[in-house]
Structure formats: structure tokens, C-alpha cells
Amino acid sequence: MSQLQRRSFLKASAGLALAAGSTARADLPVPPATGRIHRDPAARRAELYALLGDLPDRERPIKAEKRDEREADGYVLESWVLELNGLEPVPALVAKPKTLRGRAPAVLFDHSHGGGYTIGKKEFVEGRSYLQPTPYAKALTGEGWVALCIDHWCFGERAKETELETVKAMLWQGRVLWGMMVYDSIRALDWLAARADVDPARIGTLGMSMGSTMAQWLAALDERVKATVDINCLTEYHTLIAEKGLKGHGIYYYVPGLLKHFTAADVNALIAPRAHLSLAGLKDWLTPVKGLDIIDRELQAVYAEAGHPERWKLLRYDVAHQETPEGRQEALAFLRANL
């Protein structure tokens, strides 16, 4: 083959490869909605959990050490170190009303990502630029509730290795970073539900961005969550691929093999018939509007079939990746009505 022929061959091959790649990306099939998963939720929860890699024993004992307790902005703030996973300690904050007597509803607050690796659970008490000015620790205790927030892997006091380094090290060991994060959330819920000041029958979860995704997965996998509020991360996976939005989400977000078994609507359908409020921005490129339409349509059908159409609610605001004042009011009112 002459040099000229070789160049032509390589050029043509590259063109075919690019064309094939773009076609595969655009034509990735969306699994049909027939035989919706809430008709066999226990089996599908087990299937979803199995995709999360090699996880620690679900029943391993939890140890907790209280580091500090002080009065904060109108509430009591406790600092804890929890032994949840057997691999590294999990720093946590608990906020509770100063006048609390007996058992109260509780909320597991899931912190966001936003590239703020050193922030983690501090978001709970200090807020973030894309959240409303009143931090959720103050807002939730103002409703008379107990609230818990943990540092997730790679964040806050656990920001010892980079996200990418952690993903690589875990993959070599058969672990999935998102799986380990979800595991810690489930075990944190175990600890929260066992507290003497918490009513275990009235627990909700709430989060923004990465915390939104965590709220969805935690509620999908754990039926103890009675009310879920997710803010700005109701992402339809296939639409995200079609609209070339994968780069917008951190590497933590991607679970190997997930799309062979679940759509985003499939995951969220596992929350039904329990209460679920989703707040979305129409200009948020992390949650394409076409994808919101798909999930909303599917979940409306799921909740209607379950006999509780009023328990699913998607509210859209003309903003990008941020919480609105109206959204904050809706979130608190929704939790108030369902806890």
C-alpha cells in the first residue's frame, strides 16, 4: 500500500469511526416503560443495589463518638464521628431544635458537589451560593425537626484524595464510588432512625445537585424514607447522552452497567407511592428539559396507578442550577405535609 493510499485509508477509517460513534450516541435505545418496576419493587431494589459494587456488610455494627455540642443560630448543633463502613470514619453534624422534647420528624440532608471538596457538610450550616440564604440546618430545625448531614467520600473532612483518584482505586478493588456514598447514606439513616429524639416513622431526605441525586437513590433503595425533595438534578440519563451533557456531572455519578437495567424514571419509580417533590431549572443544562418531560410523564403514570397521583410533583422554574425562593417554600411545605 502506497503512502498516499495509506493516508486515504486511515482518513476514511477515522471518518467511519466518528460516524459510528455519533450514531451510537444519538440512537442509544430507551428501555420501554411496559411492566413498570414498582410492580416488583423488592426485586428491583435488590437489582439496583447489586449494581453499586462490592459494599461493606449491610448489618455491620455502627459506632458513634460525639465530639461537640453547642448552640448555633437558634438551634443545637452536635458534631459526631460515625463508624459506618469499616474503611474510614464519617464526620457528621446533627441539628435539632433547642426546645425539642421527645421524638420528632427527621431529615437526612444530602450535601452537594459544586467542586467544593473542602465544604461537604458545612453546606448544611453555612449554605452555598446556589441555595437560598437561610442554611438548611436553621430552616429544618425551625420546623421542629432533627436533621443530619454527613461528609461524603472526597468531601469535607474526608477530602484526602481527589475524586478521580478515589474512583480509580475503588474500581481496582471492585468498588464503585457512588455505591460507597449511597451505602454511607443508608447507614447514616440507620443511625438517625435509632436516635432517641427521632420518630423513625417520619423521616425524609433532601438535597441539591449531587445531594438531589442522593435523595433520589436513598429513597428508591430505602422505604423508611417517607418524603423526598430533590433539587436540580432530576436527570434523564439517555437524554443527557443524546444532548452531550455527560461532562456536566462529576465522575462519581456514573455507575457501571446502570443503563443496561434502569432508566432514571425506573430508579425514581421505586420511591412510589411515597411522597416525592422535584424542583428543576428550565435553564439547567445538567437536567435537559426533554428528559424532565420523560421522567415526569412516567412518574405521573406510576403514581396514578399506585392510587396516589398527588404524591408526585415536579415544579420547574425559569432559572439555571439554583434553588429559588419559591422552591424553598415548596420544599418545606411538602415535607411539612408528608412527615
Protein backbone atom coordinates (compact mmCIF):
# COMPACT_ATOMS: atom_id res chain seq x y z
CA MET A 1 0.00 0.00 0.00
CA SER A 2 1.48 3.36 -1.04
CA GLN A 3 1.80 6.23 1.42
CA LEU A 4 -0.99 8.08 -0.38
CA GLN A 5 -3.28 5.04 -0.23
CA ARG A 6 -2.46 4.56 3.47
CA ARG A 7 -3.42 8.17 4.23
CA SER A 8 -6.72 7.77 2.37
CA PHE A 9 -7.46 4.52 4.19
CA LEU A 10 -6.74 6.00 7.62
CA LYS A 11 -8.79 9.08 6.85
CA ALA A 12 -11.76 7.00 5.73
CA SER A 13 -11.48 4.70 8.75
CA ALA A 14 -11.42 7.65 11.13
CA GLY A 15 -14.48 9.09 9.46
CA LEU A 16 -16.37 5.82 9.77
CA ALA A 17 -15.40 5.52 13.44
CA LEU A 18 -16.59 9.03 14.18
CA ALA A 19 -19.82 8.44 12.32
CA ALA A 20 -20.41 5.18 14.17
CA GLY A 21 -19.69 6.85 17.50
CA SER A 22 -22.10 9.71 16.87
CA THR A 23 -24.79 7.32 15.68
CA ALA A 24 -24.45 5.11 18.75
CA ARG A 25 -24.65 8.17 20.95
CA ALA A 26 -27.77 9.52 19.28
CA ASP A 27 -29.56 6.20 18.87
CA LEU A 28 -28.99 4.72 22.33
CA PRO A 29 -32.32 2.96 22.88
CA VAL A 30 -34.50 3.89 25.84
CA PRO A 31 -35.92 0.75 27.50
CA PRO A 32 -39.72 0.52 27.25
CA ALA A 33 -41.87 1.54 30.21
CA THR A 34 -44.05 -1.56 30.00
CA GLY A 35 -44.12 -3.75 33.11
CA ARG A 36 -43.14 -0.87 35.34
CA ILE A 37 -40.73 -1.73 38.09
CA HIS A 38 -42.90 -0.71 41.02
CA ARG A 39 -44.87 -3.90 40.33
CA ASP A 40 -41.91 -5.85 41.72
CA PRO A 41 -40.11 -3.24 43.79
CA ALA A 42 -38.31 -5.55 46.19
CA ALA A 43 -36.57 -7.47 43.41
CA ARG A 44 -35.69 -4.31 41.52
CA ARG A 45 -34.30 -2.63 44.64
CA ALA A 46 -32.05 -5.63 45.10
CA GLU A 47 -31.02 -5.39 41.45
CA LEU A 48 -30.22 -1.68 41.78
CA TYR A 49 -28.26 -2.22 44.99
CA ALA A 50 -26.26 -5.01 43.32
CA LEU A 51 -25.00 -2.56 40.69
CA LEU A 52 -23.26 -0.49 43.37
CA GLY A 53 -20.16 -2.67 43.54
CA ASP A 54 -18.63 -4.53 46.47
CA LEU A 55 -20.13 -2.90 49.55
CA PRO A 56 -19.43 -3.44 53.25
CA ASP A 57 -21.74 -5.67 55.25
CA ARG A 58 -25.15 -4.02 55.45
CA GLU A 59 -25.56 -5.23 59.04
CA ARG A 60 -22.14 -4.30 60.44
CA PRO A 61 -22.37 -2.54 63.84
CA ILE A 62 -22.33 1.25 63.84
CA LYS A 63 -20.19 3.13 66.34
CA ALA A 64 -20.55 6.83 67.07
CA GLU A 65 -18.42 9.29 69.01
CA LYS A 66 -19.77 12.69 69.94
CA ARG A 67 -17.14 15.39 69.51
CA ASP A 68 -19.01 18.53 70.47
CA GLU A 69 -22.39 20.13 71.18
CA ARG A 70 -23.10 23.84 71.06
CA GLU A 71 -25.84 26.36 70.48
CA ALA A 72 -25.88 27.65 66.93
CA ASP A 73 -28.22 30.07 65.13
CA GLY A 74 -31.37 29.28 67.08
CA TYR A 75 -30.74 25.53 67.33
CA VAL A 76 -28.44 22.98 68.92
CA LEU A 77 -25.61 21.63 66.75
CA GLU A 78 -23.94 18.31 67.54
CA SER A 79 -20.69 17.14 65.95
CA TRP A 80 -20.14 13.40 65.57
CA VAL A 81 -17.76 10.88 64.04
CA LEU A 82 -19.62 7.82 62.80
CA GLU A 83 -18.11 4.41 62.08
CA LEU A 84 -20.33 3.32 59.19
CA ASN A 85 -18.30 1.44 56.58
CA GLY A 86 -15.23 -0.01 58.30
CA LEU A 87 -12.89 1.80 55.91
CA GLU A 88 -12.79 5.41 57.07
CA PRO A 89 -14.63 7.46 59.70
CA VAL A 90 -17.58 9.61 58.64
CA PRO A 91 -17.81 13.07 60.25
CA ALA A 92 -21.40 14.24 60.73
CA LEU A 93 -23.46 17.13 62.01
CA VAL A 94 -26.83 16.90 63.73
CA ALA A 95 -29.02 19.97 64.15
CA LYS A 96 -32.02 19.91 66.47
CA PRO A 97 -34.42 22.47 67.96
CA LYS A 98 -33.35 23.91 71.31
CA THR A 99 -36.78 23.19 72.79
CA LEU A 100 -37.06 19.64 71.50
CA ARG A 101 -38.87 17.22 73.80
CA GLY A 102 -39.48 13.60 72.88
CA ARG A 103 -39.32 12.27 69.33
CA ALA A 104 -39.54 14.50 66.26
CA PRO A 105 -39.58 14.03 62.47
CA ALA A 106 -36.11 13.96 60.94
CA VAL A 107 -34.48 14.85 57.62
CA LEU A 108 -31.27 13.44 56.17
CA PHE A 109 -29.76 16.40 54.32
CA ASP A 110 -27.54 15.41 51.38
CA HIS A 111 -24.84 17.95 50.56
CA SER A 112 -23.98 18.97 47.02
CA HIS A 113 -20.80 18.76 44.94
CA GLY A 114 -20.22 22.02 43.04
CA GLY A 115 -16.46 21.39 43.08
CA GLY A 116 -16.42 22.36 46.75
CA TYR A 117 -14.47 19.38 48.02
CA THR A 118 -13.48 21.10 51.27
CA ILE A 119 -17.09 22.14 52.01
CA GLY A 120 -19.10 18.94 52.38
CA LYS A 121 -21.36 19.04 55.42
CA LYS A 122 -20.51 22.71 56.10
CA GLU A 123 -23.08 23.47 53.38
CA PHE A 124 -25.71 22.27 55.87
CA VAL A 125 -24.89 25.02 58.38
CA GLU A 126 -23.28 27.69 56.17
CA GLY A 127 -25.21 27.35 52.90
CA ARG A 128 -23.97 27.62 49.29
CA SER A 129 -24.22 30.32 46.65
CA TYR A 130 -26.85 28.38 44.69
CA LEU A 131 -29.05 27.78 47.74
CA GLN A 132 -31.31 30.28 49.48
CA PRO A 133 -29.66 32.46 52.17
CA THR A 134 -31.04 30.57 55.16
CA PRO A 135 -28.97 27.37 55.63
CA TYR A 136 -31.00 24.19 55.80
CA ALA A 137 -29.84 23.43 59.36
CA LYS A 138 -31.68 26.53 60.52
CA ALA A 139 -34.66 26.06 58.17
CA LEU A 140 -35.28 22.43 59.14
CA THR A 141 -34.86 22.92 62.89
CA GLY A 142 -37.16 25.92 62.57
CA GLU A 143 -39.86 23.44 61.57
CA GLY A 144 -39.23 21.46 64.76
CA TRP A 145 -37.28 18.68 63.03
CA VAL A 146 -33.99 16.92 63.71
CA ALA A 147 -31.60 16.97 60.73
CA LEU A 148 -28.41 15.06 59.92
CA CYS A 149 -25.71 15.70 57.32
CA ILE A 150 -22.58 13.60 56.77
CA ASP A 151 -19.40 14.29 54.84
CA HIS A 152 -19.39 12.04 51.79
CA TRP A 153 -16.30 10.39 50.31
CA CYS A 154 -13.87 13.04 48.97
CA PHE A 155 -15.67 15.94 50.70
CA GLY A 156 -15.25 18.00 53.84
CA GLU A 157 -13.09 16.26 56.42
CA ARG A 158 -12.89 13.27 54.05
CA ALA A 159 -11.24 15.29 51.24
CA LYS A 160 -7.98 13.37 51.49
CA GLU A 161 -7.76 12.05 47.94
CA THR A 162 -9.16 13.52 44.74
CA GLU A 163 -12.44 12.27 43.34
CA LEU A 164 -10.71 10.76 40.30
CA GLU A 165 -8.03 9.02 42.38
CA THR A 166 -10.73 7.58 44.64
CA VAL A 167 -12.75 6.30 41.68
CA LYS A 168 -9.67 4.59 40.18
CA ALA A 169 -8.59 2.98 43.45
CA MET A 170 -12.11 1.74 44.14
CA LEU A 171 -12.63 0.30 40.66
CA TRP A 172 -9.49 -1.79 41.05
CA GLN A 173 -10.99 -3.22 44.24
CA GLY A 174 -14.42 -3.91 42.74
CA ARG A 175 -15.98 -0.87 44.39
CA VAL A 176 -18.00 1.99 42.92
CA LEU A 177 -17.64 5.47 44.44
CA TRP A 178 -21.35 6.24 44.09
CA GLY A 179 -22.14 2.88 45.67
CA MET A 180 -19.97 3.66 48.67
CA MET A 181 -21.64 7.06 49.00
CA VAL A 182 -25.10 5.51 48.89
CA TYR A 183 -24.04 2.86 51.40
CA ASP A 184 -22.89 5.56 53.84
CA SER A 185 -26.24 7.36 53.41
CA ILE A 186 -28.22 4.20 54.17
CA ARG A 187 -26.12 3.50 57.26
CA ALA A 188 -26.43 7.15 58.34
CA LEU A 189 -30.18 6.65 58.08
CA ASP A 190 -29.85 3.58 60.31
CA TRP A 191 -28.12 5.71 62.94
CA LEU A 192 -30.55 8.61 62.57
CA ALA A 193 -33.61 6.37 62.93
CA ALA A 194 -32.20 4.83 66.11
CA ARG A 195 -31.76 8.16 67.91
CA ALA A 196 -33.98 8.69 70.95
CA ASP A 197 -35.10 12.11 69.68
CA VAL A 198 -36.21 10.87 66.23
CA ASP A 199 -39.53 9.37 65.17
CA PRO A 200 -38.36 6.60 62.78
CA ALA A 201 -41.74 6.57 61.03
CA ARG A 202 -41.35 10.22 59.97
CA ILE A 203 -38.03 10.55 58.14
CA GLY A 204 -37.42 12.47 54.93
CA THR A 205 -34.44 13.32 52.75
CA LEU A 206 -33.49 16.44 50.83
CA GLY A 207 -30.59 17.64 48.73
CA MET A 208 -29.37 19.90 45.95
CA SER A 209 -27.39 18.81 42.87
CA MET A 210 -25.33 15.75 43.92
CA GLY A 211 -27.49 15.82 47.02
CA SER A 212 -30.56 15.69 44.79
CA THR A 213 -29.28 12.51 43.18
CA MET A 214 -28.51 11.07 46.61
CA ALA A 215 -32.01 11.87 47.83
CA GLN A 216 -33.47 10.01 44.84
CA TRP A 217 -31.30 6.91 45.27
CA LEU A 218 -31.64 6.77 49.05
CA ALA A 219 -35.43 6.94 48.85
CA ALA A 220 -35.52 4.44 45.98
CA LEU A 221 -33.49 1.90 47.97
CA ASP A 222 -34.81 2.53 51.49
CA GLU A 223 -38.54 2.51 52.21
CA ARG A 224 -38.03 4.19 55.57
CA VAL A 225 -37.80 7.49 53.68
CA LYS A 226 -41.35 8.84 53.75
CA ALA A 227 -40.79 12.09 51.85
CA THR A 228 -38.17 13.09 49.29
CA VAL A 229 -37.24 16.52 47.98
CA ASP A 230 -34.67 16.63 45.18
CA ILE A 231 -33.42 19.97 43.88
CA ASN A 232 -31.83 20.45 40.46
CA CYS A 233 -30.63 17.01 39.49
CA LEU A 234 -33.57 15.02 38.10
CA THR A 235 -31.53 13.92 35.10
CA GLU A 236 -32.78 11.54 32.41
CA TYR A 237 -29.69 9.54 31.51
CA HIS A 238 -30.43 8.78 27.86
CA THR A 239 -31.34 12.39 27.14
CA LEU A 240 -28.12 13.52 28.83
CA ILE A 241 -26.16 11.33 26.42
CA ALA A 242 -28.12 12.48 23.37
CA GLU A 243 -27.58 16.14 24.30
CA LYS A 244 -23.87 15.59 25.04
CA GLY A 245 -24.18 16.65 28.65
CA LEU A 246 -22.09 13.93 30.31
CA LYS A 247 -19.24 16.32 31.10
CA GLY A 248 -21.52 18.33 33.38
CA HIS A 249 -21.68 15.61 36.03
CA GLY A 250 -18.75 14.51 38.16
CA ILE A 251 -17.15 11.09 37.70
CA TYR A 252 -18.82 9.96 40.97
CA TYR A 253 -22.17 9.98 39.12
CA TYR A 254 -21.51 7.07 36.78
CA VAL A 255 -22.44 3.53 37.83
CA PRO A 256 -21.09 0.72 35.60
CA GLY A 257 -23.82 -1.14 33.74
CA LEU A 258 -26.66 1.03 35.06
CA LEU A 259 -28.31 1.72 31.70
CA LYS A 260 -28.50 -1.99 30.91
CA HIS A 261 -31.02 -2.31 33.74
CA PHE A 262 -32.51 1.08 34.68
CA THR A 263 -33.63 4.39 33.30
CA ALA A 264 -33.76 7.45 35.55
CA ALA A 265 -37.54 7.03 35.70
CA ASP A 266 -37.06 3.40 36.74
CA VAL A 267 -34.90 4.46 39.71
CA ASN A 268 -37.37 7.13 40.79
CA ALA A 269 -40.38 4.87 40.33
CA LEU A 270 -39.04 2.82 43.24
CA ILE A 271 -39.91 5.73 45.52
CA ALA A 272 -43.62 5.38 44.68
CA PRO A 273 -46.10 5.56 46.28
CA ARG A 274 -44.16 7.58 48.87
CA ALA A 275 -44.13 11.37 48.54
CA HIS A 276 -41.62 12.89 46.10
CA LEU A 277 -41.15 16.55 45.14
CA SER A 278 -38.66 17.50 42.43
CA LEU A 279 -37.57 21.10 41.78
CA ALA A 280 -35.90 21.84 38.45
CA GLY A 281 -34.49 24.77 36.50
CA LEU A 282 -35.55 25.20 32.89
CA LYS A 283 -32.09 26.62 32.08
CA ASP A 284 -30.17 23.96 33.97
CA TRP A 285 -28.06 22.05 31.45
CA LEU A 286 -27.49 19.24 33.96
CA THR A 287 -31.18 18.32 33.63
CA PRO A 288 -32.28 18.68 29.99
CA VAL A 289 -35.93 19.68 29.68
CA LYS A 290 -36.71 16.82 27.29
CA GLY A 291 -35.52 14.46 29.99
CA LEU A 292 -37.65 16.14 32.63
CA ASP A 293 -40.66 15.59 30.35
CA ILE A 294 -39.87 11.88 30.05
CA ILE A 295 -39.46 11.32 33.78
CA ASP A 296 -42.50 13.42 34.65
CA ARG A 297 -44.70 11.54 32.20
CA GLU A 298 -43.57 8.17 33.51
CA LEU A 299 -43.86 9.05 37.20
CA GLN A 300 -47.29 10.56 36.72
CA ALA A 301 -48.38 7.17 35.35
CA VAL A 302 -46.64 5.27 38.16
CA TYR A 303 -48.20 7.34 40.95
CA ALA A 304 -51.64 7.33 39.30
CA GLU A 305 -51.52 3.54 39.04
CA ALA A 306 -50.49 3.37 42.71
CA GLY A 307 -53.56 5.41 43.62
CA HIS A 308 -51.65 8.48 44.86
CA PRO A 309 -51.11 10.91 41.97
CA GLU A 310 -50.84 13.78 44.47
CA ARG A 311 -47.64 12.38 45.97
CA TRP A 312 -45.54 13.10 42.86
CA LYS A 313 -44.82 16.71 41.98
CA LEU A 314 -42.35 18.29 39.54
CA LEU A 315 -42.03 22.07 39.69
CA ARG A 316 -40.00 23.95 37.08
CA TYR A 317 -38.54 27.42 37.45
CA ASP A 318 -37.02 29.78 34.89
CA VAL A 319 -33.52 29.51 36.36
CA ALA A 320 -30.31 27.56 35.85
CA HIS A 321 -28.70 25.41 38.57
CA GLN A 322 -30.06 27.12 41.66
CA GLU A 323 -32.73 26.96 44.34
CA THR A 324 -35.42 29.65 44.12
CA PRO A 325 -37.26 31.37 46.99
CA GLU A 326 -40.49 29.76 45.76
CA GLY A 327 -38.78 26.38 45.60
CA ARG A 328 -37.58 26.68 49.20
CA GLN A 329 -41.13 27.42 50.34
CA GLU A 330 -42.45 24.46 48.34
CA ALA A 331 -39.78 22.13 49.75
CA LEU A 332 -40.56 22.95 53.38
CA ALA A 333 -44.33 22.85 52.80
CA PHE A 334 -44.00 19.44 51.12
CA LEU A 335 -42.02 18.00 54.00
CA ARG A 336 -44.44 19.55 56.45
CA ALA A 337 -47.37 17.87 54.73
CA ASN A 338 -45.74 14.46 54.41
CA LEU A 339 -43.73 13.91 57.59
